[in-house]
């Protein structure tokens, strides 16, 4: 078996790969965003409803402007941390890896 890959073929492959990586980044960010809302503890609903997601050409940023988000997640000297941010990221990454394995096995 023989094949030839010239610079046009490499450029085309690189462009397709970059597009797929951009799609993967968006999927992962959306999964993390949804998991953050799912795993955030709820007393009044303010913490859960304060998440925003913003994207630009280089990155995707998920933020929460609720003033006590970090204290609920990390804890204080008076209360243990809930660690829902870490849990959301780990869960989303696990789902992402499973999706990748499913795609590669096809």
Protein backbone atom coordinates (compact mmCIF):
# COMPACT_ATOMS: atom_id res chain seq x y z
CA UNK A 1 0.00 0.00 0.00
CA UNK A 2 1.22 3.47 -0.88
CA UNK A 3 -0.08 6.92 -0.34
CA UNK A 4 1.22 10.38 -0.93
CA UNK A 5 0.56 13.31 1.35
CA UNK A 6 1.63 16.67 -0.04
CA UNK A 7 1.52 20.06 1.64
CA UNK A 8 -2.03 20.70 0.39
CA UNK A 9 -3.20 17.46 1.98
CA UNK A 10 -1.50 18.32 5.26
CA UNK A 11 -3.01 21.81 5.27
CA UNK A 12 -6.46 20.40 4.57
CA UNK A 13 -6.09 17.80 7.33
CA UNK A 14 -4.80 20.44 9.75
CA UNK A 15 -7.79 22.69 9.03
CA UNK A 16 -10.24 19.82 9.61
CA UNK A 17 -8.43 18.89 12.82
CA UNK A 18 -8.56 22.48 14.10
CA UNK A 19 -12.29 22.66 13.37
CA UNK A 20 -12.88 19.41 15.25
CA UNK A 21 -10.80 20.63 18.18
CA UNK A 22 -12.87 23.82 18.30
CA UNK A 23 -16.06 21.76 18.28
CA UNK A 24 -14.68 19.54 21.03
CA UNK A 25 -13.79 22.58 23.15
CA UNK A 26 -17.36 23.89 22.81
CA UNK A 27 -18.86 20.50 23.70
CA UNK A 28 -16.63 20.15 26.76
CA UNK A 29 -17.40 23.69 27.94
CA UNK A 30 -21.14 23.10 27.50
CA UNK A 31 -20.91 19.86 29.47
CA UNK A 32 -19.01 21.58 32.30
CA UNK A 33 -21.53 24.44 32.29
CA UNK A 34 -24.48 22.05 32.58
CA UNK A 35 -22.77 19.95 35.25
CA UNK A 36 -21.97 23.07 37.30
CA UNK A 37 -25.64 23.95 37.36
CA UNK A 38 -26.56 20.36 38.15
CA UNK A 39 -24.04 19.87 40.97
CA UNK A 40 -24.33 23.32 42.59
CA UNK A 41 -26.04 23.06 45.97
CA UNK A 42 -29.37 24.87 46.13
CA UNK A 43 -30.82 26.79 49.01
CA UNK A 44 -32.26 29.84 47.25
CA UNK A 45 -31.28 29.07 43.65
CA UNK A 46 -29.12 32.18 43.28
CA UNK A 47 -25.85 30.25 43.06
CA UNK A 48 -27.17 27.88 40.41
CA UNK A 49 -28.73 30.63 38.30
CA UNK A 50 -25.64 32.90 38.36
CA UNK A 51 -23.49 30.95 35.90
CA UNK A 52 -22.58 32.54 32.59
CA UNK A 53 -20.62 31.23 29.65
CA UNK A 54 -18.77 33.42 27.16
CA UNK A 55 -16.63 32.47 24.18
CA UNK A 56 -14.14 34.25 21.99
CA UNK A 57 -11.73 33.05 19.33
CA UNK A 58 -9.21 31.75 21.85
CA UNK A 59 -11.12 30.56 24.88
CA UNK A 60 -14.39 29.79 26.58
CA UNK A 61 -14.98 31.22 30.04
CA UNK A 62 -17.49 29.99 32.58
CA UNK A 63 -18.06 32.29 35.52
CA UNK A 64 -20.36 32.81 38.46
CA UNK A 65 -20.85 36.31 39.85
CA UNK A 66 -22.57 35.10 43.00
CA UNK A 67 -20.42 36.51 45.79
CA UNK A 68 -20.39 33.37 47.90
CA UNK A 69 -19.72 30.76 45.17
CA UNK A 70 -16.07 30.25 46.14
CA UNK A 71 -16.96 29.86 49.83
CA UNK A 72 -19.57 27.20 49.13
CA UNK A 73 -17.19 25.34 46.82
CA UNK A 74 -13.95 25.67 48.81
CA UNK A 75 -15.37 25.95 52.31
CA UNK A 76 -14.45 28.21 55.18
CA UNK A 77 -13.25 27.68 58.70
CA UNK A 78 -16.93 27.29 59.63
CA UNK A 79 -18.19 24.99 56.88
CA UNK A 80 -16.75 22.23 54.73
CA UNK A 81 -16.36 22.83 51.03
CA UNK A 82 -18.85 21.21 48.65
CA UNK A 83 -16.27 20.92 45.80
CA UNK A 84 -18.99 20.95 43.15
CA UNK A 85 -16.76 22.79 40.64
CA UNK A 86 -14.18 20.02 40.71
CA UNK A 87 -16.90 17.39 40.54
CA UNK A 88 -18.46 19.08 37.49
CA UNK A 89 -15.12 19.22 35.67
CA UNK A 90 -14.24 15.59 36.44
CA UNK A 91 -17.71 14.42 35.38
CA UNK A 92 -17.63 16.42 32.13
CA UNK A 93 -14.14 15.16 31.29
CA UNK A 94 -15.23 11.57 31.89
CA UNK A 95 -18.23 12.04 29.57
CA UNK A 96 -15.95 13.66 27.00
CA UNK A 97 -13.51 10.75 27.13
CA UNK A 98 -16.34 8.24 26.72
CA UNK A 99 -17.63 10.14 23.68
CA UNK A 100 -14.13 10.14 22.22
CA UNK A 101 -13.75 6.39 22.70
CA UNK A 102 -17.16 5.77 21.12
CA UNK A 103 -16.19 7.87 18.09
CA UNK A 104 -12.76 6.23 17.73
CA UNK A 105 -14.28 2.73 17.92
CA UNK A 106 -16.56 3.40 14.94
